[in-house]
């Protein structure tokens, strides 16, 4: 099985303590996933995020309906979390999210995804033809939409916390 890695970093406004709650809300995945995927969280809400949480999704990959289930393997609020695929379109999906404080109340958010499409030459062919590009485009989209969504989320939480 060939394992591939996608790594991305993005600087965000806000401290890790301010940024992390946006990513701790699994339903925000719907807003940071390209609309073409018709991504929906199907786990009943509210979803308590912690090590051991299972989350189920429904999406379409090249118009093919897919059900996906992930497990939160690690959960360290404001620092990192790891989700892995239990059932879904990949043979392996292991996604590590980290949040590092930067000067000036900023956060470096890093994503490292280790994934495999399958075994042998067919898996490698699928990855080279479209899967690698598809995975990269999902994270390209996220890089574009996260900052404004995060800013609105932080502002909304700050307003709701005021007396």
Foldseek 3Di string as FASTA:
>chain_A
DDKDKDKDKDKAAAALLLQQVCVQQVQCLCVLFDVQFVKGWPPDDDFHDAQFGKTWIWTADVNRIKIWIKGFHHDDRSAKTWIWTPDIQFPTWIKIWGWDGDPPRMIMIMIMIMTWRDDDDVRVVCCVPPVVVNVVVSVVSNNVPVHVVSVVVSVVVVVVPDD
